[in-house]
C-alpha atoms as a PDB file:
ATOM      1  CA  MET A   1      52.409  37.302  -8.723  1.00  0.00           C
ATOM      2  CA  LYS A   2      51.754  35.551  -5.561  1.00  0.00           C
ATOM      3  CA  ARG A   3      52.593  31.952  -5.641  1.00  0.00           C
ATOM      4  CA  LYS A   4      50.748  29.243  -5.051  1.00  0.00           C
ATOM      5  CA  GLN A   5      52.518  27.148  -2.578  1.00  0.00           C
ATOM      6  CA  LEU A   6      52.638  23.789  -2.999  1.00  0.00           C
ATOM      7  CA  GLY A   7      53.619  20.806  -0.700  1.00  0.00           C
ATOM      8  CA  ILE A   8      54.577  17.428  -2.410  1.00  0.00           C
ATOM      9  CA  VAL A   9      55.204  14.627   0.331  1.00  0.00           C
ATOM     10  CA  ILE A  10      58.006  12.467   0.316  1.00  0.00           C
ATOM     11  CA  PHE A  11      59.228   9.509   2.373  1.00  0.00           C
ATOM     12  CA  ASP A  12      61.385   6.198   1.705  1.00  0.00           C
ATOM     13  CA  ASP A  13      60.239   3.748  -1.066  1.00  0.00           C
ATOM     14  CA  VAL A  14      58.243   6.328  -2.553  1.00  0.00           C
ATOM     15  CA  GLU A  15      57.930   6.030  -6.391  1.00  0.00           C
ATOM     16  CA  VAL A  16      59.973   8.242  -8.122  1.00  0.00           C
ATOM     17  CA  LEU A  17      57.593   9.466 -11.099  1.00  0.00           C
ATOM     18  CA  ASP A  18      54.874   9.719  -8.555  1.00  0.00           C
ATOM     19  CA  PHE A  19      56.074  12.786  -7.128  1.00  0.00           C
ATOM     20  CA  CYS A  20      58.470  13.652 -10.200  1.00  0.00           C
ATOM     21  CA  GLY A  21      55.889  13.859 -12.709  1.00  0.00           C
ATOM     22  CA  PRO A  22      53.740  16.366 -10.849  1.00  0.00           C
ATOM     23  CA  PHE A  23      56.611  18.248  -9.677  1.00  0.00           C
ATOM     24  CA  GLU A  24      57.959  18.675 -13.531  1.00  0.00           C
ATOM     25  CA  VAL A  25      54.493  19.730 -14.527  1.00  0.00           C
ATOM     26  CA  PHE A  26      54.126  22.375 -11.685  1.00  0.00           C
ATOM     27  CA  SER A  27      57.379  23.371 -12.301  1.00  0.00           C
ATOM     28  CA  VAL A  28      57.539  24.233 -16.007  1.00  0.00           C
ATOM     29  CA  THR A  29      54.143  25.627 -15.711  1.00  0.00           C
ATOM     30  CA  ARG A  30      53.922  29.293 -16.934  1.00  0.00           C
ATOM     31  CA  LEU A  31      51.299  31.912 -17.051  1.00  0.00           C
ATOM     32  CA  ASP A  32      52.866  33.778 -20.256  1.00  0.00           C
ATOM     33  CA  GLU A  33      54.233  30.746 -22.887  1.00  0.00           C
ATOM     34  CA  ASN A  34      55.981  33.662 -24.600  1.00  0.00           C
ATOM     35  CA  ARG A  35      57.555  34.924 -21.657  1.00  0.00           C
ATOM     36  CA  ARG A  36      58.623  31.082 -20.800  1.00  0.00           C
ATOM     37  CA  PHE A  37      62.427  31.873 -20.155  1.00  0.00           C
ATOM     38  CA  GLU A  38      61.818  35.454 -18.062  1.00  0.00           C
ATOM     39  CA  ASP A  39      59.244  34.340 -15.809  1.00  0.00           C
ATOM     40  CA  THR A  40      59.133  31.838 -13.079  1.00  0.00           C
ATOM     41  CA  SER A  41      56.524  28.897 -12.492  1.00  0.00           C
ATOM     42  CA  PRO A  42      53.021  30.639 -10.784  1.00  0.00           C
ATOM     43  CA  PHE A  43      53.560  27.120  -8.272  1.00  0.00           C
ATOM     44  CA  ASP A  44      56.399  27.298  -5.275  1.00  0.00           C
ATOM     45  CA  VAL A  45      56.683  23.745  -5.120  1.00  0.00           C
ATOM     46  CA  HIS A  46      58.130  21.887  -1.703  1.00  0.00           C
ATOM     47  CA  LEU A  47      59.510  18.627  -1.146  1.00  0.00           C
ATOM     48  CA  VAL A  48      58.119  17.736   2.456  1.00  0.00           C
ATOM     49  CA  ALA A  49      59.490  14.865   4.565  1.00  0.00           C
ATOM     50  CA  GLN A  50      59.194  13.883   8.034  1.00  0.00           C
ATOM     51  CA  SER A  51      62.620  14.319   8.546  1.00  0.00           C
ATOM     52  CA  PRO A  52      65.692  16.592   6.948  1.00  0.00           C
ATOM     53  CA  GLU A  53      67.139  13.531   5.817  1.00  0.00           C
ATOM     54  CA  PRO A  54      67.539  12.269   2.390  1.00  0.00           C
ATOM     55  CA  VAL A  55      64.915  10.202   1.344  1.00  0.00           C
ATOM     56  CA  THR A  56      65.592   6.836  -0.193  1.00  0.00           C
ATOM     57  CA  THR A  57      63.117   6.547  -3.003  1.00  0.00           C
ATOM     58  CA  THR A  58      61.987   3.082  -4.995  1.00  0.00           C
ATOM     59  CA  GLY A  59      64.888   2.137  -6.888  1.00  0.00           C
ATOM     60  CA  GLY A  60      67.724   3.701  -4.588  1.00  0.00           C
ATOM     61  CA  MET A  61      66.986   7.529  -5.647  1.00  0.00           C
ATOM     62  CA  LYS A  62      68.390   9.968  -2.905  1.00  0.00           C
ATOM     63  CA  VAL A  63      66.379  13.051  -2.217  1.00  0.00           C
ATOM     64  CA  ILE A  64      67.265  15.738  -0.102  1.00  0.00           C
ATOM     65  CA  PRO A  65      63.645  17.408   1.405  1.00  0.00           C
ATOM     66  CA  ASP A  66      62.719  21.088   0.987  1.00  0.00           C
ATOM     67  CA  CYS A  67      61.447  21.037   4.735  1.00  0.00           C
ATOM     68  CA  THR A  68      59.870  18.964   7.222  1.00  0.00           C
ATOM     69  CA  PHE A  69      55.982  18.615   8.394  1.00  0.00           C
ATOM     70  CA  GLU A  70      56.787  21.556  11.004  1.00  0.00           C
ATOM     71  CA  GLN A  71      58.564  23.685   8.633  1.00  0.00           C
ATOM     72  CA  ALA A  72      56.628  23.683   5.710  1.00  0.00           C
ATOM     73  CA  PRO A  73      54.728  26.983   4.656  1.00  0.00           C
ATOM     74  CA  PRO A  74      51.071  27.465   4.855  1.00  0.00           C
ATOM     75  CA  LEU A  75      50.168  25.529   1.538  1.00  0.00           C
ATOM     76  CA  ASP A  76      47.242  26.066  -1.087  1.00  0.00           C
ATOM     77  CA  ILE A  77      47.894  22.316  -2.309  1.00  0.00           C
ATOM     78  CA  LEU A  78      49.339  19.379  -1.132  1.00  0.00           C
ATOM     79  CA  VAL A  79      50.412  15.916  -3.297  1.00  0.00           C
ATOM     80  CA  VAL A  80      50.691  13.065  -1.533  1.00  0.00           C
ATOM     81  CA  PRO A  81      52.414  10.114  -4.111  1.00  0.00           C
ATOM     82  CA  GLY A  82      52.178   6.453  -3.847  1.00  0.00           C
ATOM     83  CA  GLY A  83      54.634   3.789  -3.667  1.00  0.00           C
ATOM     84  CA  MET A  84      55.645   0.892  -1.517  1.00  0.00           C
ATOM     85  CA  GLY A  85      56.504   3.132   1.327  1.00  0.00           C
ATOM     86  CA  THR A  86      52.942   3.759   1.540  1.00  0.00           C
ATOM     87  CA  ARG A  87      52.548   0.589   3.221  1.00  0.00           C
ATOM     88  CA  GLN A  88      54.184   1.776   6.216  1.00  0.00           C
ATOM     89  CA  GLU A  89      53.075   5.249   5.520  1.00  0.00           C
ATOM     90  CA  MET A  90      49.380   4.669   5.888  1.00  0.00           C
ATOM     91  CA  HIS A  91      49.654   3.936   9.302  1.00  0.00           C
ATOM     92  CA  ASN A  92      52.338   6.586  10.264  1.00  0.00           C
ATOM     93  CA  GLU A  93      50.614   8.941  12.653  1.00  0.00           C
ATOM     94  CA  ALA A  94      52.659  12.033  11.664  1.00  0.00           C
ATOM     95  CA  LEU A  95      51.976  11.798   8.403  1.00  0.00           C
ATOM     96  CA  LEU A  96      48.373  11.097   9.040  1.00  0.00           C
ATOM     97  CA  ALA A  97      48.329  14.214  11.197  1.00  0.00           C
ATOM     98  CA  PHE A  98      49.692  16.263   8.611  1.00  0.00           C
ATOM     99  CA  VAL A  99      47.840  15.462   5.805  1.00  0.00           C
ATOM    100  CA  ARG A 100      44.524  16.120   8.013  1.00  0.00           C
ATOM    101  CA  ASP A 101      45.470  19.075   9.327  1.00  0.00           C
ATOM    102  CA  ALA A 102      46.508  20.304   5.739  1.00  0.00           C
ATOM    103  CA  THR A 103      42.635  19.075   4.446  1.00  0.00           C
ATOM    104  CA  ALA A 104      41.275  21.875   6.412  1.00  0.00           C
ATOM    105  CA  SER A 105      43.523  24.972   5.041  1.00  0.00           C
ATOM    106  CA  VAL A 106      44.559  24.092   1.215  1.00  0.00           C
ATOM    107  CA  GLU A 107      42.620  24.460  -1.917  1.00  0.00           C
ATOM    108  CA  THR A 108      43.316  20.860  -3.221  1.00  0.00           C
ATOM    109  CA  LEU A 109      44.561  17.519  -1.179  1.00  0.00           C
ATOM    110  CA  ALA A 110      45.874  15.070  -4.106  1.00  0.00           C
ATOM    111  CA  SER A 111      47.063  11.321  -4.298  1.00  0.00           C
ATOM    112  CA  VAL A 112      48.586   9.922  -6.956  1.00  0.00           C
ATOM    113  CA  CYS A 113      48.909   5.921  -6.908  1.00  0.00           C
ATOM    114  CA  THR A 114      48.571   4.441  -3.556  1.00  0.00           C
ATOM    115  CA  GLY A 115      48.923   7.750  -2.213  1.00  0.00           C
ATOM    116  CA  ALA A 116      45.275   7.285  -2.082  1.00  0.00           C
ATOM    117  CA  LEU A 117      45.732   4.714   1.268  1.00  0.00           C
ATOM    118  CA  VAL A 118      46.987   7.878   3.099  1.00  0.00           C
ATOM    119  CA  LEU A 119      44.091   9.692   2.429  1.00  0.00           C
ATOM    120  CA  GLY A 120      41.867   6.544   3.273  1.00  0.00           C
ATOM    121  CA  ASN A 121      43.545   5.448   6.366  1.00  0.00           C
ATOM    122  CA  ALA A 122      43.417   9.800   7.513  1.00  0.00           C
ATOM    123  CA  GLY A 123      39.440   9.490   7.288  1.00  0.00           C
ATOM    124  CA  LEU A 124      39.405  11.444   4.229  1.00  0.00           C
ATOM    125  CA  LEU A 125      37.607   9.650   1.520  1.00  0.00           C
ATOM    126  CA  ASP A 126      34.957   8.417   3.339  1.00  0.00           C
ATOM    127  CA  GLY A 127      31.473   9.325   1.331  1.00  0.00           C
ATOM    128  CA  LEU A 128      33.301   9.951  -1.948  1.00  0.00           C
ATOM    129  CA  SER A 129      35.020   8.085  -4.843  1.00  0.00           C
ATOM    130  CA  ALA A 130      38.298   7.629  -5.521  1.00  0.00           C
ATOM    131  CA  THR A 131      40.852   5.913  -7.303  1.00  0.00           C
ATOM    132  CA  THR A 132      44.485   4.531  -7.023  1.00  0.00           C
ATOM    133  CA  HIS A 133      46.783   1.932  -8.568  1.00  0.00           C
ATOM    134  CA  TRP A 134      45.467  -0.763 -10.599  1.00  0.00           C
ATOM    135  CA  ARG A 135      47.200  -3.675  -8.581  1.00  0.00           C
ATOM    136  CA  SER A 136      45.415  -1.989  -5.370  1.00  0.00           C
ATOM    137  CA  LEU A 137      41.705  -1.203  -6.158  1.00  0.00           C
ATOM    138  CA  ASP A 138      40.387  -4.255  -4.464  1.00  0.00           C
ATOM    139  CA  TRP A 139      42.808  -4.212  -1.640  1.00  0.00           C
ATOM    140  CA  MET A 140      41.756  -0.404  -1.346  1.00  0.00           C
ATOM    141  CA  GLN A 141      37.950  -1.441  -1.205  1.00  0.00           C
ATOM    142  CA  SER A 142      38.229  -3.841   1.267  1.00  0.00           C
ATOM    143  CA  LEU A 143      40.437  -1.597   3.503  1.00  0.00           C
ATOM    144  CA  PHE A 144      37.543   1.367   2.919  1.00  0.00           C
ATOM    145  CA  PRO A 145      33.631   0.192   2.803  1.00  0.00           C
ATOM    146  CA  ASN A 146      32.733   3.523   2.910  1.00  0.00           C
ATOM    147  CA  VAL A 147      34.760   4.794  -0.149  1.00  0.00           C
ATOM    148  CA  THR A 148      33.500   4.243  -3.545  1.00  0.00           C
ATOM    149  CA  VAL A 149      36.282   2.988  -5.765  1.00  0.00           C
ATOM    150  CA  ASP A 150      36.366   3.899  -9.050  1.00  0.00           C
ATOM    151  CA  LYS A 151      38.496   1.389 -11.348  1.00  0.00           C
ATOM    152  CA  GLN A 152      37.666   3.069 -14.839  1.00  0.00           C
ATOM    153  CA  SER A 153      38.506   6.597 -14.388  1.00  0.00           C
ATOM    154  CA  HIS A 154      42.196   7.886 -14.735  1.00  0.00           C
ATOM    155  CA  VAL A 155      41.857  10.670 -11.941  1.00  0.00           C
ATOM    156  CA  VAL A 156      39.102  11.484 -10.151  1.00  0.00           C
ATOM    157  CA  ASN A 157      38.215  14.865  -9.221  1.00  0.00           C
ATOM    158  CA  HIS A 158      36.005  16.150  -6.553  1.00  0.00           C
ATOM    159  CA  GLY A 159      37.753  19.533  -6.833  1.00  0.00           C
ATOM    160  CA  HIS A 160      39.092  19.683  -3.312  1.00  0.00           C
ATOM    161  CA  ILE A 161      39.734  16.303  -3.028  1.00  0.00           C
ATOM    162  CA  ILE A 162      41.736  14.560  -6.216  1.00  0.00           C
ATOM    163  CA  THR A 163      43.046  11.012  -6.396  1.00  0.00           C
ATOM    164  CA  SER A 164      44.581   9.362  -9.283  1.00  0.00           C
ATOM    165  CA  ALA A 165      45.527   5.865 -10.723  1.00  0.00           C
ATOM    166  CA  GLY A 166      48.940   4.579 -11.019  1.00  0.00           C
ATOM    167  CA  ILE A 167      52.114   6.358 -11.169  1.00  0.00           C
ATOM    168  CA  SER A 168      52.370   8.288 -14.675  1.00  0.00           C
ATOM    169  CA  ALA A 169      48.548   9.593 -13.699  1.00  0.00           C
ATOM    170  CA  GLY A 170      50.062  11.800 -11.191  1.00  0.00           C
ATOM    171  CA  ILE A 171      51.032  13.959 -14.464  1.00  0.00           C
ATOM    172  CA  ASP A 172      47.542  13.736 -15.768  1.00  0.00           C
ATOM    173  CA  MET A 173      46.523  14.683 -12.327  1.00  0.00           C
ATOM    174  CA  ALA A 174      48.711  17.507 -11.806  1.00  0.00           C
ATOM    175  CA  LEU A 175      47.467  18.985 -15.305  1.00  0.00           C
ATOM    176  CA  GLN A 176      44.324  18.940 -14.430  1.00  0.00           C
ATOM    177  CA  ILE A 177      45.138  21.079 -10.963  1.00  0.00           C
ATOM    178  CA  VAL A 178      47.329  23.322 -13.644  1.00  0.00           C
ATOM    179  CA  ALA A 179      43.702  23.985 -15.540  1.00  0.00           C
ATOM    180  CA  MET A 180      41.664  24.458 -12.186  1.00  0.00           C
ATOM    181  CA  GLN A 181      44.026  26.998 -11.251  1.00  0.00           C
ATOM    182  CA  PHE A 182      44.916  28.668 -14.218  1.00  0.00           C
ATOM    183  CA  GLY A 183      43.125  27.467 -17.109  1.00  0.00           C
ATOM    184  CA  GLU A 184      43.330  25.091 -19.750  1.00  0.00           C
ATOM    185  CA  ASP A 185      45.501  27.264 -22.302  1.00  0.00           C
ATOM    186  CA  VAL A 186      48.126  27.296 -19.294  1.00  0.00           C
ATOM    187  CA  ALA A 187      47.474  23.800 -18.596  1.00  0.00           C
ATOM    188  CA  ARG A 188      48.094  22.939 -22.318  1.00  0.00           C
ATOM    189  CA  ALA A 189      50.735  24.511 -23.063  1.00  0.00           C
ATOM    190  CA  SER A 190      52.796  23.013 -20.246  1.00  0.00           C
ATOM    191  CA  ALA A 191      51.842  19.545 -21.710  1.00  0.00           C
ATOM    192  CA  ARG A 192      53.573  21.169 -24.571  1.00  0.00           C
ATOM    193  CA  HIS A 193      56.746  22.154 -23.602  1.00  0.00           C
ATOM    194  CA  MET A 194      56.540  18.669 -21.633  1.00  0.00           C
ATOM    195  CA  GLU A 195      56.123  17.207 -25.300  1.00  0.00           C
ATOM    196  CA  TYR A 196      53.279  15.308 -23.107  1.00  0.00           C
ATOM    197  CA  PRO A 197      49.838  14.607 -24.869  1.00  0.00           C
ATOM    198  CA  TYR A 198      47.266  16.497 -23.410  1.00  0.00           C
ATOM    199  CA  PRO A 199      44.713  14.081 -21.361  1.00  0.00           C
ATOM    200  CA  GLU A 200      41.519  14.266 -23.944  1.00  0.00           C
ATOM    201  CA  SER A 201      39.909  11.627 -21.909  1.00  0.00           C
ATOM    202  CA  ASN A 202      39.698  11.019 -18.091  1.00  0.00           C
ATOM    203  CA  GLU A 203      39.510   6.631 -19.349  1.00  0.00           C
ATOM    204  CA  ARG A 204      41.748   4.512 -17.379  1.00  0.00           C
ATOM    205  CA  ARG A 205      44.630   3.938 -19.578  1.00  0.00           C
ATOM    206  CA  ILE A 206      44.932   0.073 -18.935  1.00  0.00           C
ATOM    207  CA  ASN A 207      42.194  -3.071 -19.871  1.00  0.00           C
ATOM    208  CA  LEU A 208      41.777  -4.557 -16.202  1.00  0.00           C
ATOM    209  CA  SER A 209      40.046  -7.009 -18.126  1.00  0.00           C
ATOM    210  CA  PRO A 210      42.090 -10.466 -17.230  1.00  0.00           C
ATOM    211  CA  GLY A 211      43.982 -11.785 -20.109  1.00  0.00           C
END
């Protein structure tokens, strides 16, 4: 089996579940549920960072990248998570260049939470609808007037480019990618293994109304 090469970007002050949630989904995926403990995931997941030095996440967890931007293998899928660190990283020209270059060759570019701000600043969301963490929806619209900010959807899936709402939404986004690549049955089996409810609806999980 030729495994899908999948990169997840990490950086200082990345939100833990933003990248660990998708990592879990992709790492537990199996094409044959009856061979869960014999087979490996069809995704080969790489944590990619600008530097080989450990990354300090929101909350203080330290994570060692698998490779740098320059060392990353040719990727089929790239995921850009969010967190407070995106306030700086959305202006990081090295990251923006890496994401732009990857977009030309990957099957799917996806973001979690405020990772969408990185995609937006890279000019990759112009003319599209997109979403992000509920606290950043209005900010995103003011930053990127050529983007239609979707305040109702949990995941906005354009096929080649996918954005998702806040933090835990990355799990649902990753399950959509599994379904796109290998079918809904495989995605549902992955969710079941995680004891995570398979998303039957794409509605945003929280009420944005004041009060």
